[in-house]
Amino acid sequence: MGKQGIVVLGAGLQGTCVALSLAHRGYAVTLIESHPAPLRAASLRNEGKIHLGFVYALDHSGATQRKMLEAALCFSPLLDRWCGALPC
């Protein structure tokens, strides 16, 4: 029996990443978005990132910025797999 189809609601950052990951694993994915283009609602106004809830301006040690950079770099292998390696 083949893999079943999956519907993902919302083509924001998270919905798009989930859809790409599932498609990469062989699922038939339908991505539903109310806007004409993906990444246009909350993802657009959120600069296309997942915010961990930190307030950068209050952290003079730089620890928050380092944590956010480390977290962002975790997405690099996924983006390389889905989109191909981008030139530096």
Foldseek 3Di string as FASTA:
>chain_A
DAAEADEFEAQALVSVLVQLVVVVVPHHYHYDHPDPDGNDDVCVVVVNDDDPPDDVVVDPPCPVVVVVVVVVVVCVVSCCVRPNDDDD
